[in-house]
Amino acid sequence: MDQDDQRDEAETVTCGNSKCKSKIVPGDCQDGDETKKKNKKKSQKTTRRRQLMSFSELPDYMKDNEFILNYYRADWSIRDAFFSVFSFHNESLNVWTHLLGFILFVALTVANIMHHDKFFPVDAKSPGNVTRWPFFVFLGGSMFCLLSSSICHLFCCHSKDLNLVLLRIDYTGISVMIITSFFPAMYYIFLCTPRWYVIYLTGITSMGIFTIITLFTPSLSSPKYRGFRALLFAVMGLFGIVPGVHALVVNWGNPQRNATLVYELAMAVFYLVGTGFYVGRVPERFKPGWFDRVGHSHQIFHVFVLLGALSHYAAALLFLDWRDHVSC
């Protein structure tokens, strides 16, 4: 019995402040301590990774706006980036302004489908039967732009490679929104002279494809070419001046002419003013650090883009209402 007791005592070792009741050798306790230390270090590393950073701590590929000084995410996992939609950082409002806009346009699309389901009526030029597909092309382009923008701002903090891919998708979304904005206006205005809407829609689509291909060049995604990117989008928008003047001449007698012009001019003003904030980095340029999480230029740009899209939506409804009552 004494020998057995001695053997048990020899196999009982101390781990911290308590005794291990199982029969293990002292080396196992050391392995356990090392495992705990590794887990602790891993936990600390994860905590550090989830912490918000300052501009100076960012990797070079994320240094886009030197006037926004704090509250950055960098090198976060996809999971952490996804759940950061519910936290408050300097991309939060960039995500939510366009995410809520996307939800709004989904609701508008569903409402219009329920109200009128004739996408391709047999007699598209008769009053009350005008085709709806150009209108829904615009809604689809708007939803794609708003959603791609939200996804880009939410997940761009994951890695350099994903950041570059998402930026390209974001630029594509802007181009698609501009292109599809032309569809309802050009189609319904020149419904009775199809060659003109074919010419104008082909022209803007070609410009959009050229812009997308150009912006897929990695170097043009850098902050250095911010102004150049804005110029390409502005040129696409300004292309609308030519068919706009033409449409005004052709439809001078349209009783809804003035209301339509107001909405379209409002859209142009919203887009141009928003682009001005984006390029000029106003107001954070004048008070670096004051607008890190709320009120910086990109957030203002997002709001103006959404207002411009809603203005064009209102104008498109007027085009539809006009063609529902006036045939060729």
C-alpha atoms as a PDB file:
ATOM      1  CA  MET A   1       0.000   0.000   0.000  1.00  0.00           C
ATOM      2  CA  ASP A   2       2.852   2.371   0.863  1.00  0.00           C
ATOM      3  CA  GLN A   3       4.512   1.770  -2.491  1.00  0.00           C
ATOM      4  CA  ASP A   4       1.242   2.405  -4.326  1.00  0.00           C
ATOM      5  CA  ASP A   5       0.706   5.635  -2.407  1.00  0.00           C
ATOM      6  CA  GLN A   6       4.212   6.764  -3.241  1.00  0.00           C
ATOM      7  CA  ARG A   7       3.644   5.950  -6.916  1.00  0.00           C
ATOM      8  CA  ASP A   8       0.408   7.962  -6.972  1.00  0.00           C
ATOM      9  CA  GLU A   9       2.068  10.922  -5.310  1.00  0.00           C
ATOM     10  CA  ALA A  10       4.884  10.795  -7.837  1.00  0.00           C
ATOM     11  CA  GLU A  11       2.360  10.908 -10.657  1.00  0.00           C
ATOM     12  CA  THR A  12       0.393  13.755  -9.124  1.00  0.00           C
ATOM     13  CA  VAL A  13       1.820  17.087 -10.296  1.00  0.00           C
ATOM     14  CA  THR A  14       1.057  20.698  -9.531  1.00  0.00           C
ATOM     15  CA  CYS A  15      -0.415  22.908 -12.329  1.00  0.00           C
ATOM     16  CA  GLY A  16      -0.582  26.488 -11.184  1.00  0.00           C
ATOM     17  CA  ASN A  17      -2.371  26.668  -7.811  1.00  0.00           C
ATOM     18  CA  SER A  18      -4.200  23.344  -8.063  1.00  0.00           C
ATOM     19  CA  LYS A  19      -3.280  19.707  -8.364  1.00  0.00           C
ATOM     20  CA  CYS A  20      -3.928  17.637 -11.449  1.00  0.00           C
ATOM     21  CA  LYS A  21      -5.942  14.619 -10.356  1.00  0.00           C
ATOM     22  CA  SER A  22      -5.155  12.633 -13.459  1.00  0.00           C
ATOM     23  CA  LYS A  23      -1.931  10.712 -13.839  1.00  0.00           C
ATOM     24  CA  ILE A  24       0.207  12.932 -16.075  1.00  0.00           C
ATOM     25  CA  VAL A  25       3.838  13.751 -16.201  1.00  0.00           C
ATOM     26  CA  PRO A  26       5.113  17.228 -15.304  1.00  0.00           C
ATOM     27  CA  GLY A  27       5.984  18.019 -18.917  1.00  0.00           C
ATOM     28  CA  ASP A  28       2.296  17.940 -19.881  1.00  0.00           C
ATOM     29  CA  CYS A  29       1.581  20.922 -17.657  1.00  0.00           C
ATOM     30  CA  GLN A  30       4.263  22.896 -19.441  1.00  0.00           C
ATOM     31  CA  ASP A  31       2.706  22.037 -22.788  1.00  0.00           C
ATOM     32  CA  GLY A  32      -0.651  23.207 -21.460  1.00  0.00           C
ATOM     33  CA  ASP A  33       0.810  26.505 -20.329  1.00  0.00           C
ATOM     34  CA  GLU A  34       2.427  27.043 -23.723  1.00  0.00           C
ATOM     35  CA  THR A  35      -0.885  26.331 -25.460  1.00  0.00           C
ATOM     36  CA  LYS A  36      -2.617  28.876 -23.227  1.00  0.00           C
ATOM     37  CA  LYS A  37       0.045  31.450 -24.035  1.00  0.00           C
ATOM     38  CA  LYS A  38      -0.355  30.831 -27.764  1.00  0.00           C
ATOM     39  CA  ASN A  39      -4.136  31.145 -27.531  1.00  0.00           C
ATOM     40  CA  LYS A  40      -3.734  34.347 -25.528  1.00  0.00           C
ATOM     41  CA  LYS A  41      -1.371  35.798 -28.134  1.00  0.00           C
ATOM     42  CA  LYS A  42      -3.759  34.771 -30.909  1.00  0.00           C
ATOM     43  CA  SER A  43      -6.648  36.438 -29.074  1.00  0.00           C
ATOM     44  CA  GLN A  44      -4.600  39.602 -28.602  1.00  0.00           C
ATOM     45  CA  LYS A  45      -3.663  39.594 -32.291  1.00  0.00           C
ATOM     46  CA  THR A  46      -7.340  39.224 -33.266  1.00  0.00           C
ATOM     47  CA  THR A  47      -8.275  42.071 -30.938  1.00  0.00           C
ATOM     48  CA  ARG A  48      -5.596  44.291 -32.436  1.00  0.00           C
ATOM     49  CA  ARG A  49      -6.769  43.439 -35.933  1.00  0.00           C
ATOM     50  CA  ARG A  50     -10.306  44.512 -35.087  1.00  0.00           C
ATOM     51  CA  GLN A  51      -9.198  47.812 -33.628  1.00  0.00           C
ATOM     52  CA  LEU A  52      -9.694  50.953 -35.690  1.00  0.00           C
ATOM     53  CA  MET A  53      -6.525  52.582 -37.000  1.00  0.00           C
ATOM     54  CA  SER A  54      -5.220  56.008 -37.832  1.00  0.00           C
ATOM     55  CA  PHE A  55      -4.293  57.071 -41.359  1.00  0.00           C
ATOM     56  CA  SER A  56      -0.565  56.746 -40.595  1.00  0.00           C
ATOM     57  CA  GLU A  57      -1.012  53.085 -39.578  1.00  0.00           C
ATOM     58  CA  LEU A  58      -2.735  52.065 -42.807  1.00  0.00           C
ATOM     59  CA  PRO A  59      -1.137  49.955 -45.536  1.00  0.00           C
ATOM     60  CA  ASP A  60      -0.324  52.071 -48.587  1.00  0.00           C
ATOM     61  CA  TYR A  61      -3.137  50.656 -50.729  1.00  0.00           C
ATOM     62  CA  MET A  62      -5.729  52.088 -48.313  1.00  0.00           C
ATOM     63  CA  LYS A  63      -4.298  55.597 -48.051  1.00  0.00           C
ATOM     64  CA  ASP A  64      -6.877  57.423 -50.125  1.00  0.00           C
ATOM     65  CA  ASN A  65      -7.770  60.573 -48.182  1.00  0.00           C
ATOM     66  CA  GLU A  66      -5.140  62.099 -45.912  1.00  0.00           C
ATOM     67  CA  PHE A  67      -7.698  64.513 -44.438  1.00  0.00           C
ATOM     68  CA  ILE A  68      -9.566  61.663 -42.736  1.00  0.00           C
ATOM     69  CA  LEU A  69      -7.274  60.873 -39.837  1.00  0.00           C
ATOM     70  CA  ASN A  70      -8.869  58.091 -37.787  1.00  0.00           C
ATOM     71  CA  TYR A  71     -11.392  55.243 -37.465  1.00  0.00           C
ATOM     72  CA  TYR A  72     -10.046  53.080 -40.304  1.00  0.00           C
ATOM     73  CA  ARG A  73     -10.368  49.303 -40.653  1.00  0.00           C
ATOM     74  CA  ALA A  74      -7.466  47.455 -42.269  1.00  0.00           C
ATOM     75  CA  ASP A  75      -6.652  43.791 -42.940  1.00  0.00           C
ATOM     76  CA  TRP A  76      -9.878  42.577 -41.355  1.00  0.00           C
ATOM     77  CA  SER A  77     -11.309  39.146 -42.077  1.00  0.00           C
ATOM     78  CA  ILE A  78     -14.392  38.865 -44.284  1.00  0.00           C
ATOM     79  CA  ARG A  79     -16.427  37.940 -41.210  1.00  0.00           C
ATOM     80  CA  ASP A  80     -15.213  40.920 -39.200  1.00  0.00           C
ATOM     81  CA  ALA A  81     -15.731  43.250 -42.145  1.00  0.00           C
ATOM     82  CA  PHE A  82     -19.278  41.962 -42.610  1.00  0.00           C
ATOM     83  CA  PHE A  83     -20.258  42.497 -38.975  1.00  0.00           C
ATOM     84  CA  SER A  84     -18.644  45.929 -38.978  1.00  0.00           C
ATOM     85  CA  VAL A  85     -21.781  47.092 -40.792  1.00  0.00           C
ATOM     86  CA  PHE A  86     -23.254  47.382 -37.292  1.00  0.00           C
ATOM     87  CA  SER A  87     -20.308  49.334 -35.825  1.00  0.00           C
ATOM     88  CA  PHE A  88     -19.333  52.989 -36.210  1.00  0.00           C
ATOM     89  CA  HIS A  89     -16.226  53.677 -38.295  1.00  0.00           C
ATOM     90  CA  ASN A  90     -15.344  56.095 -41.086  1.00  0.00           C
ATOM     91  CA  GLU A  91     -17.013  53.913 -43.750  1.00  0.00           C
ATOM     92  CA  SER A  92     -20.278  53.336 -41.861  1.00  0.00           C
ATOM     93  CA  LEU A  93     -22.276  56.106 -43.514  1.00  0.00           C
ATOM     94  CA  ASN A  94     -20.733  55.326 -46.912  1.00  0.00           C
ATOM     95  CA  VAL A  95     -22.154  51.820 -46.551  1.00  0.00           C
ATOM     96  CA  TRP A  96     -25.561  52.781 -45.173  1.00  0.00           C
ATOM     97  CA  THR A  97     -26.359  55.728 -47.465  1.00  0.00           C
ATOM     98  CA  HIS A  98     -26.244  53.502 -50.532  1.00  0.00           C
ATOM     99  CA  LEU A  99     -27.491  50.347 -48.810  1.00  0.00           C
ATOM    100  CA  LEU A 100     -30.674  52.136 -47.750  1.00  0.00           C
ATOM    101  CA  GLY A 101     -30.856  53.613 -51.254  1.00  0.00           C
ATOM    102  CA  PHE A 102     -30.645  50.101 -52.709  1.00  0.00           C
ATOM    103  CA  ILE A 103     -33.473  48.911 -50.448  1.00  0.00           C
ATOM    104  CA  LEU A 104     -35.555  51.924 -51.483  1.00  0.00           C
ATOM    105  CA  PHE A 105     -35.075  51.199 -55.201  1.00  0.00           C
ATOM    106  CA  VAL A 106     -35.933  47.528 -54.663  1.00  0.00           C
ATOM    107  CA  ALA A 107     -39.193  48.653 -53.065  1.00  0.00           C
ATOM    108  CA  LEU A 108     -39.897  51.060 -55.947  1.00  0.00           C
ATOM    109  CA  THR A 109     -39.202  48.309 -58.481  1.00  0.00           C
ATOM    110  CA  VAL A 110     -41.548  45.864 -56.765  1.00  0.00           C
ATOM    111  CA  ALA A 111     -44.249  48.539 -56.494  1.00  0.00           C
ATOM    112  CA  ASN A 112     -44.007  49.330 -60.210  1.00  0.00           C
ATOM    113  CA  ILE A 113     -44.083  45.663 -61.195  1.00  0.00           C
ATOM    114  CA  MET A 114     -47.226  45.137 -59.134  1.00  0.00           C
ATOM    115  CA  HIS A 115     -48.808  48.253 -60.631  1.00  0.00           C
ATOM    116  CA  HIS A 116     -48.029  47.461 -64.260  1.00  0.00           C
ATOM    117  CA  ASP A 117     -46.698  44.098 -65.454  1.00  0.00           C
ATOM    118  CA  LYS A 118     -46.650  44.760 -69.231  1.00  0.00           C
ATOM    119  CA  PHE A 119     -42.930  44.689 -69.952  1.00  0.00           C
ATOM    120  CA  PHE A 120     -43.405  43.797 -73.638  1.00  0.00           C
ATOM    121  CA  PRO A 121     -46.989  44.600 -74.703  1.00  0.00           C
ATOM    122  CA  VAL A 122     -48.182  43.539 -78.160  1.00  0.00           C
ATOM    123  CA  ASP A 123     -48.829  47.101 -79.289  1.00  0.00           C
ATOM    124  CA  ALA A 124     -46.156  49.107 -77.453  1.00  0.00           C
ATOM    125  CA  LYS A 125     -47.005  52.374 -79.237  1.00  0.00           C
ATOM    126  CA  SER A 126     -50.670  52.508 -78.315  1.00  0.00           C
ATOM    127  CA  PRO A 127     -51.817  54.678 -75.402  1.00  0.00           C
ATOM    128  CA  GLY A 128     -51.757  52.766 -72.128  1.00  0.00           C
ATOM    129  CA  ASN A 129     -49.646  49.959 -73.599  1.00  0.00           C
ATOM    130  CA  VAL A 130     -46.203  51.529 -73.736  1.00  0.00           C
ATOM    131  CA  THR A 131     -43.462  49.045 -72.963  1.00  0.00           C
ATOM    132  CA  ARG A 132     -41.860  49.233 -69.510  1.00  0.00           C
ATOM    133  CA  TRP A 133     -38.499  47.561 -70.091  1.00  0.00           C
ATOM    134  CA  PRO A 134     -36.444  50.790 -70.536  1.00  0.00           C
ATOM    135  CA  PHE A 135     -37.832  52.037 -67.225  1.00  0.00           C
ATOM    136  CA  PHE A 136     -36.839  48.823 -65.450  1.00  0.00           C
ATOM    137  CA  VAL A 137     -33.416  48.874 -67.093  1.00  0.00           C
ATOM    138  CA  PHE A 138     -32.843  52.183 -65.307  1.00  0.00           C
ATOM    139  CA  LEU A 139     -34.085  50.774 -61.995  1.00  0.00           C
ATOM    140  CA  GLY A 140     -31.838  47.740 -62.404  1.00  0.00           C
ATOM    141  CA  GLY A 141     -28.789  49.894 -63.145  1.00  0.00           C
ATOM    142  CA  SER A 142     -29.481  52.064 -60.109  1.00  0.00           C
ATOM    143  CA  MET A 143     -29.814  49.050 -57.819  1.00  0.00           C
ATOM    144  CA  PHE A 144     -26.592  47.546 -59.158  1.00  0.00           C
ATOM    145  CA  CYS A 145     -24.689  50.792 -58.576  1.00  0.00           C
ATOM    146  CA  LEU A 146     -25.995  51.325 -55.040  1.00  0.00           C
ATOM    147  CA  LEU A 147     -25.427  47.722 -53.964  1.00  0.00           C
ATOM    148  CA  SER A 148     -21.941  47.442 -55.471  1.00  0.00           C
ATOM    149  CA  SER A 149     -20.962  50.695 -53.763  1.00  0.00           C
ATOM    150  CA  SER A 150     -22.168  49.440 -50.371  1.00  0.00           C
ATOM    151  CA  ILE A 151     -20.328  46.130 -50.764  1.00  0.00           C
ATOM    152  CA  CYS A 152     -17.150  47.922 -51.832  1.00  0.00           C
ATOM    153  CA  HIS A 153     -17.118  50.210 -48.801  1.00  0.00           C
ATOM    154  CA  LEU A 154     -17.927  47.353 -46.432  1.00  0.00           C
ATOM    155  CA  PHE A 155     -15.316  44.827 -47.570  1.00  0.00           C
ATOM    156  CA  CYS A 156     -12.534  47.005 -49.010  1.00  0.00           C
ATOM    157  CA  CYS A 157     -10.673  46.674 -45.691  1.00  0.00           C
ATOM    158  CA  HIS A 158     -10.016  42.933 -46.156  1.00  0.00           C
ATOM    159  CA  SER A 159      -6.946  42.831 -48.410  1.00  0.00           C
ATOM    160  CA  LYS A 160      -5.209  44.631 -51.237  1.00  0.00           C
ATOM    161  CA  ASP A 161      -6.387  42.166 -53.888  1.00  0.00           C
ATOM    162  CA  LEU A 162     -10.030  42.299 -52.799  1.00  0.00           C
ATOM    163  CA  ASN A 163      -9.816  46.072 -52.459  1.00  0.00           C
ATOM    164  CA  LEU A 164      -8.763  46.386 -56.108  1.00  0.00           C
ATOM    165  CA  VAL A 165     -11.512  44.038 -57.320  1.00  0.00           C
ATOM    166  CA  LEU A 166     -14.193  45.869 -55.348  1.00  0.00           C
ATOM    167  CA  LEU A 167     -13.060  49.270 -56.594  1.00  0.00           C
ATOM    168  CA  ARG A 168     -13.392  48.041 -60.174  1.00  0.00           C
ATOM    169  CA  ILE A 169     -16.890  46.752 -59.457  1.00  0.00           C
ATOM    170  CA  ASP A 170     -17.758  50.093 -57.845  1.00  0.00           C
ATOM    171  CA  TYR A 171     -16.569  52.032 -60.924  1.00  0.00           C
ATOM    172  CA  THR A 172     -18.503  49.631 -63.135  1.00  0.00           C
ATOM    173  CA  GLY A 173     -21.614  50.285 -61.051  1.00  0.00           C
ATOM    174  CA  ILE A 174     -21.307  54.050 -61.530  1.00  0.00           C
ATOM    175  CA  SER A 175     -20.864  53.603 -65.290  1.00  0.00           C
ATOM    176  CA  VAL A 176     -23.839  51.238 -65.502  1.00  0.00           C
ATOM    177  CA  MET A 177     -26.030  53.675 -63.593  1.00  0.00           C
ATOM    178  CA  ILE A 178     -25.136  56.516 -65.962  1.00  0.00           C
ATOM    179  CA  ILE A 179     -25.748  54.343 -69.035  1.00  0.00           C
ATOM    180  CA  THR A 180     -29.086  52.982 -67.860  1.00  0.00           C
ATOM    181  CA  SER A 181     -30.268  56.464 -66.853  1.00  0.00           C
ATOM    182  CA  PHE A 182     -30.408  57.313 -70.569  1.00  0.00           C
ATOM    183  CA  PHE A 183     -32.710  54.421 -71.454  1.00  0.00           C
ATOM    184  CA  PRO A 184     -36.139  55.676 -70.315  1.00  0.00           C
ATOM    185  CA  ALA A 185     -35.550  59.256 -71.494  1.00  0.00           C
ATOM    186  CA  MET A 186     -34.168  58.375 -74.931  1.00  0.00           C
ATOM    187  CA  TYR A 187     -36.623  55.540 -75.596  1.00  0.00           C
ATOM    188  CA  TYR A 188     -39.828  57.321 -74.621  1.00  0.00           C
ATOM    189  CA  ILE A 189     -38.920  60.701 -76.121  1.00  0.00           C
ATOM    190  CA  PHE A 190     -37.862  59.233 -79.475  1.00  0.00           C
ATOM    191  CA  LEU A 191     -40.360  56.363 -79.471  1.00  0.00           C
ATOM    192  CA  CYS A 192     -41.818  57.486 -82.796  1.00  0.00           C
ATOM    193  CA  THR A 193     -38.387  57.935 -84.415  1.00  0.00           C
ATOM    194  CA  PRO A 194     -36.495  54.809 -83.278  1.00  0.00           C
ATOM    195  CA  ARG A 195     -33.296  55.585 -85.158  1.00  0.00           C
ATOM    196  CA  TRP A 196     -32.541  58.427 -82.760  1.00  0.00           C
ATOM    197  CA  TYR A 197     -32.840  56.472 -79.550  1.00  0.00           C
ATOM    198  CA  VAL A 198     -30.752  53.710 -81.143  1.00  0.00           C
ATOM    199  CA  ILE A 199     -28.033  56.247 -82.021  1.00  0.00           C
ATOM    200  CA  TYR A 200     -28.004  57.903 -78.591  1.00  0.00           C
ATOM    201  CA  LEU A 201     -28.196  54.698 -76.573  1.00  0.00           C
ATOM    202  CA  THR A 202     -25.442  53.144 -78.672  1.00  0.00           C
ATOM    203  CA  GLY A 203     -23.313  56.235 -78.109  1.00  0.00           C
ATOM    204  CA  ILE A 204     -23.660  56.329 -74.311  1.00  0.00           C
ATOM    205  CA  THR A 205     -23.231  52.563 -74.017  1.00  0.00           C
ATOM    206  CA  SER A 206     -20.003  52.719 -76.033  1.00  0.00           C
ATOM    207  CA  MET A 207     -18.702  55.542 -73.849  1.00  0.00           C
ATOM    208  CA  GLY A 208     -19.582  53.552 -70.747  1.00  0.00           C
ATOM    209  CA  ILE A 209     -17.776  50.445 -71.947  1.00  0.00           C
ATOM    210  CA  PHE A 210     -14.695  52.537 -72.788  1.00  0.00           C
ATOM    211  CA  THR A 211     -14.793  54.092 -69.307  1.00  0.00           C
ATOM    212  CA  ILE A 212     -15.078  50.703 -67.610  1.00  0.00           C
ATOM    213  CA  ILE A 213     -12.169  49.261 -69.607  1.00  0.00           C
ATOM    214  CA  THR A 214     -10.049  52.331 -68.859  1.00  0.00           C
ATOM    215  CA  LEU A 215     -10.746  52.203 -65.121  1.00  0.00           C
ATOM    216  CA  PHE A 216      -9.878  48.515 -64.968  1.00  0.00           C
ATOM    217  CA  THR A 217      -6.234  49.584 -65.267  1.00  0.00           C
ATOM    218  CA  PRO A 218      -4.888  49.063 -61.700  1.00  0.00           C
ATOM    219  CA  SER A 219      -2.858  52.286 -61.638  1.00  0.00           C
ATOM    220  CA  LEU A 220      -5.967  54.375 -62.347  1.00  0.00           C
ATOM    221  CA  SER A 221      -7.553  53.128 -59.107  1.00  0.00           C
ATOM    222  CA  SER A 222      -5.012  55.047 -57.015  1.00  0.00           C
ATOM    223  CA  PRO A 223      -5.887  58.334 -55.246  1.00  0.00           C
ATOM    224  CA  LYS A 224      -3.634  60.166 -57.705  1.00  0.00           C
ATOM    225  CA  TYR A 225      -6.230  59.700 -60.485  1.00  0.00           C
ATOM    226  CA  ARG A 226      -9.280  60.687 -58.454  1.00  0.00           C
ATOM    227  CA  GLY A 227      -9.861  63.736 -60.674  1.00  0.00           C
ATOM    228  CA  PHE A 228      -9.399  61.729 -63.871  1.00  0.00           C
ATOM    229  CA  ARG A 229     -12.010  59.172 -62.770  1.00  0.00           C
ATOM    230  CA  ALA A 230     -14.456  61.934 -61.947  1.00  0.00           C
ATOM    231  CA  LEU A 231     -13.791  63.526 -65.344  1.00  0.00           C
ATOM    232  CA  LEU A 232     -14.648  60.307 -67.181  1.00  0.00           C
ATOM    233  CA  PHE A 233     -17.966  60.025 -65.359  1.00  0.00           C
ATOM    234  CA  ALA A 234     -18.684  63.719 -65.886  1.00  0.00           C
ATOM    235  CA  VAL A 235     -18.071  63.379 -69.638  1.00  0.00           C
ATOM    236  CA  MET A 236     -20.527  60.491 -69.753  1.00  0.00           C
ATOM    237  CA  GLY A 237     -23.123  62.619 -68.006  1.00  0.00           C
ATOM    238  CA  LEU A 238     -22.467  65.668 -70.190  1.00  0.00           C
ATOM    239  CA  PHE A 239     -23.042  63.520 -73.268  1.00  0.00           C
ATOM    240  CA  GLY A 240     -26.713  63.906 -72.393  1.00  0.00           C
ATOM    241  CA  ILE A 241     -26.670  67.572 -73.407  1.00  0.00           C
ATOM    242  CA  VAL A 242     -26.849  66.705 -77.124  1.00  0.00           C
ATOM    243  CA  PRO A 243     -29.874  64.357 -76.995  1.00  0.00           C
ATOM    244  CA  GLY A 244     -31.383  66.616 -74.301  1.00  0.00           C
ATOM    245  CA  VAL A 245     -31.438  69.634 -76.606  1.00  0.00           C
ATOM    246  CA  HIS A 246     -32.700  67.457 -79.447  1.00  0.00           C
ATOM    247  CA  ALA A 247     -35.467  66.063 -77.231  1.00  0.00           C
ATOM    248  CA  LEU A 248     -36.469  69.555 -76.144  1.00  0.00           C
ATOM    249  CA  VAL A 249     -36.907  70.650 -79.757  1.00  0.00           C
ATOM    250  CA  VAL A 250     -38.833  67.533 -80.771  1.00  0.00           C
ATOM    251  CA  ASN A 251     -41.175  67.609 -77.769  1.00  0.00           C
ATOM    252  CA  TRP A 252     -41.627  71.334 -77.257  1.00  0.00           C
ATOM    253  CA  GLY A 253     -45.383  70.879 -77.211  1.00  0.00           C
ATOM    254  CA  ASN A 254     -45.334  68.256 -74.442  1.00  0.00           C
ATOM    255  CA  PRO A 255     -47.463  69.631 -71.571  1.00  0.00           C
ATOM    256  CA  GLN A 256     -45.157  67.913 -69.053  1.00  0.00           C
ATOM    257  CA  ARG A 257     -42.059  69.453 -70.618  1.00  0.00           C
ATOM    258  CA  ASN A 258     -41.342  71.949 -67.840  1.00  0.00           C
ATOM    259  CA  ALA A 259     -41.802  69.458 -64.996  1.00  0.00           C
ATOM    260  CA  THR A 260     -39.570  66.934 -66.744  1.00  0.00           C
ATOM    261  CA  LEU A 261     -36.901  69.575 -67.313  1.00  0.00           C
ATOM    262  CA  VAL A 262     -36.951  70.523 -63.637  1.00  0.00           C
ATOM    263  CA  TYR A 263     -36.376  66.921 -62.551  1.00  0.00           C
ATOM    264  CA  GLU A 264     -33.636  66.326 -65.113  1.00  0.00           C
ATOM    265  CA  LEU A 265     -31.857  69.577 -64.281  1.00  0.00           C
ATOM    266  CA  ALA A 266     -32.103  68.695 -60.596  1.00  0.00           C
ATOM    267  CA  MET A 267     -30.489  65.337 -61.366  1.00  0.00           C
ATOM    268  CA  ALA A 268     -27.626  67.041 -63.234  1.00  0.00           C
ATOM    269  CA  VAL A 269     -27.095  69.533 -60.397  1.00  0.00           C
ATOM    270  CA  PHE A 270     -27.088  66.796 -57.754  1.00  0.00           C
ATOM    271  CA  TYR A 271     -24.527  64.742 -59.673  1.00  0.00           C
ATOM    272  CA  LEU A 272     -22.253  67.693 -60.440  1.00  0.00           C
ATOM    273  CA  VAL A 273     -22.358  69.115 -56.903  1.00  0.00           C
ATOM    274  CA  GLY A 274     -21.728  65.675 -55.432  1.00  0.00           C
ATOM    275  CA  THR A 275     -18.774  65.164 -57.758  1.00  0.00           C
ATOM    276  CA  GLY A 276     -17.418  68.567 -56.696  1.00  0.00           C
ATOM    277  CA  PHE A 277     -17.434  67.502 -53.044  1.00  0.00           C
ATOM    278  CA  TYR A 278     -15.789  64.177 -53.992  1.00  0.00           C
ATOM    279  CA  VAL A 279     -12.954  65.716 -56.002  1.00  0.00           C
ATOM    280  CA  GLY A 280     -12.387  68.682 -53.696  1.00  0.00           C
ATOM    281  CA  ARG A 281     -12.487  66.589 -50.494  1.00  0.00           C
ATOM    282  CA  VAL A 282     -14.637  69.205 -48.857  1.00  0.00           C
ATOM    283  CA  PRO A 283     -15.174  69.806 -45.923  1.00  0.00           C
ATOM    284  CA  GLU A 284     -12.483  67.578 -44.352  1.00  0.00           C
ATOM    285  CA  ARG A 285      -9.796  69.459 -46.280  1.00  0.00           C
ATOM    286  CA  PHE A 286     -10.399  72.527 -44.100  1.00  0.00           C
ATOM    287  CA  LYS A 287     -10.656  70.681 -40.765  1.00  0.00           C
ATOM    288  CA  PRO A 288      -8.737  67.372 -40.946  1.00  0.00           C
ATOM    289  CA  GLY A 289      -9.987  64.960 -38.304  1.00  0.00           C
ATOM    290  CA  TRP A 290     -13.289  66.762 -37.665  1.00  0.00           C
ATOM    291  CA  PHE A 291     -15.309  64.794 -40.230  1.00  0.00           C
ATOM    292  CA  ASP A 292     -13.683  61.373 -39.909  1.00  0.00           C
ATOM    293  CA  ARG A 293     -16.898  59.464 -39.209  1.00  0.00           C
ATOM    294  CA  VAL A 294     -19.652  61.911 -40.126  1.00  0.00           C
ATOM    295  CA  GLY A 295     -19.845  64.568 -42.831  1.00  0.00           C
ATOM    296  CA  HIS A 296     -16.821  63.915 -45.050  1.00  0.00           C
ATOM    297  CA  SER A 297     -16.863  64.370 -48.805  1.00  0.00           C
ATOM    298  CA  HIS A 298     -17.513  60.786 -49.881  1.00  0.00           C
ATOM    299  CA  GLN A 299     -20.589  60.558 -47.669  1.00  0.00           C
ATOM    300  CA  ILE A 300     -21.904  63.822 -49.119  1.00  0.00           C
ATOM    301  CA  PHE A 301     -21.188  62.492 -52.618  1.00  0.00           C
ATOM    302  CA  HIS A 302     -23.246  59.373 -51.844  1.00  0.00           C
ATOM    303  CA  VAL A 303     -26.213  61.422 -50.671  1.00  0.00           C
ATOM    304  CA  PHE A 304     -26.162  63.555 -53.833  1.00  0.00           C
ATOM    305  CA  VAL A 305     -25.917  60.457 -56.049  1.00  0.00           C
ATOM    306  CA  LEU A 306     -29.008  59.024 -54.379  1.00  0.00           C
ATOM    307  CA  LEU A 307     -30.890  62.328 -54.736  1.00  0.00           C
ATOM    308  CA  GLY A 308     -29.916  62.462 -58.423  1.00  0.00           C
ATOM    309  CA  ALA A 309     -31.193  58.928 -58.988  1.00  0.00           C
ATOM    310  CA  LEU A 310     -34.510  59.764 -57.301  1.00  0.00           C
ATOM    311  CA  SER A 311     -34.866  62.908 -59.427  1.00  0.00           C
ATOM    312  CA  HIS A 312     -34.359  60.872 -62.583  1.00  0.00           C
ATOM    313  CA  TYR A 313     -36.853  58.306 -61.310  1.00  0.00           C
ATOM    314  CA  ALA A 314     -39.464  61.070 -60.985  1.00  0.00           C
ATOM    315  CA  ALA A 315     -38.696  62.263 -64.531  1.00  0.00           C
ATOM    316  CA  ALA A 316     -38.982  58.693 -65.852  1.00  0.00           C
ATOM    317  CA  LEU A 317     -42.455  58.403 -64.311  1.00  0.00           C
ATOM    318  CA  LEU A 318     -43.476  61.529 -66.208  1.00  0.00           C
ATOM    319  CA  PHE A 319     -42.139  60.044 -69.465  1.00  0.00           C
ATOM    320  CA  LEU A 320     -44.184  56.904 -68.833  1.00  0.00           C
ATOM    321  CA  ASP A 321     -47.327  58.847 -67.982  1.00  0.00           C
ATOM    322  CA  TRP A 322     -46.931  60.939 -71.136  1.00  0.00           C
ATOM    323  CA  ARG A 323     -46.506  57.915 -73.392  1.00  0.00           C
ATOM    324  CA  ASP A 324     -49.404  56.156 -71.703  1.00  0.00           C
ATOM    325  CA  HIS A 325     -51.628  58.988 -72.919  1.00  0.00           C
ATOM    326  CA  VAL A 326     -49.926  60.158 -76.127  1.00  0.00           C
ATOM    327  CA  SER A 327     -49.163  57.670 -78.905  1.00  0.00           C
ATOM    328  CA  CYS A 328     -47.159  58.170 -82.082  1.00  0.00           C
END
